[in-house]
Protein backbone atom coordinates (compact mmCIF):
# COMPACT_ATOMS: atom_id res chain seq x y z
CA MET A 1 -2.33 15.11 -1.27
CA ALA A 2 0.03 17.00 1.06
CA ASP A 3 -2.91 18.66 2.85
CA GLY A 4 -4.76 15.38 3.29
CA VAL A 5 -7.13 16.04 0.40
CA ALA A 6 -8.34 12.90 -1.36
CA LEU A 7 -8.00 12.56 -5.11
CA CYS A 8 -11.73 12.73 -5.57
CA GLY A 9 -11.79 15.92 -3.47
CA LEU A 10 -9.71 17.93 -5.96
CA PRO A 11 -11.39 20.70 -7.94
CA LEU A 12 -12.40 19.70 -11.47
CA GLY A 13 -9.86 22.01 -13.10
CA GLU A 14 -6.92 20.56 -11.17
CA LEU A 15 -8.12 17.01 -11.78
CA THR A 16 -8.38 17.77 -15.48
CA VAL A 17 -4.83 19.13 -15.59
CA LEU A 18 -3.61 16.02 -13.72
CA VAL A 19 -5.28 13.62 -16.15
CA VAL A 20 -4.24 15.55 -19.29
CA THR A 21 -0.61 15.73 -18.03
CA ALA A 22 -0.57 12.01 -17.27
CA LEU A 23 -1.98 11.16 -20.68
CA GLY A 24 0.57 13.47 -22.35
CA TYR A 25 3.45 11.77 -20.63
CA LEU A 26 2.04 8.35 -21.48
CA ALA A 27 1.65 9.32 -25.15
CA ALA A 28 5.18 10.81 -25.30
CA GLY A 29 6.65 7.68 -23.77
CA ASP A 30 4.73 5.45 -26.14
CA VAL A 31 5.90 7.41 -29.16
CA ALA A 32 9.53 7.35 -27.95
CA PHE A 33 9.35 3.61 -27.33
CA TYR A 34 7.84 3.04 -30.78
CA TYR A 35 10.60 4.93 -32.59
CA CYS A 36 13.37 3.35 -30.50
CA GLN A 37 11.91 -0.09 -31.19
CA ARG A 38 11.82 0.64 -34.96
CA TRP A 39 15.38 1.89 -34.82
CA ALA A 40 16.59 -1.26 -33.00
CA ARG A 41 14.75 -3.56 -35.41
CA ARG A 42 16.13 -1.73 -38.41
CA ASP A 43 19.70 -2.09 -37.07
CA GLY A 44 19.08 -5.73 -36.15
CA VAL A 45 19.93 -5.43 -32.48
CA MET A 46 16.61 -6.53 -30.93
CA GLY A 47 17.35 -9.17 -28.31
CA HIS A 48 21.12 -8.54 -28.17
CA TYR A 49 22.70 -7.54 -24.87
């Protein structure tokens, strides 16, 4: 994007790495949220500030 290249103008390999990386971060965040939510529910602190 720094050189003025549009997202659809990226080579297929770079676009694939971009999508896989984004999905990896999304999955890692979802797993972390799931386990933190389970932990909070088990300790009974959901909704407490």
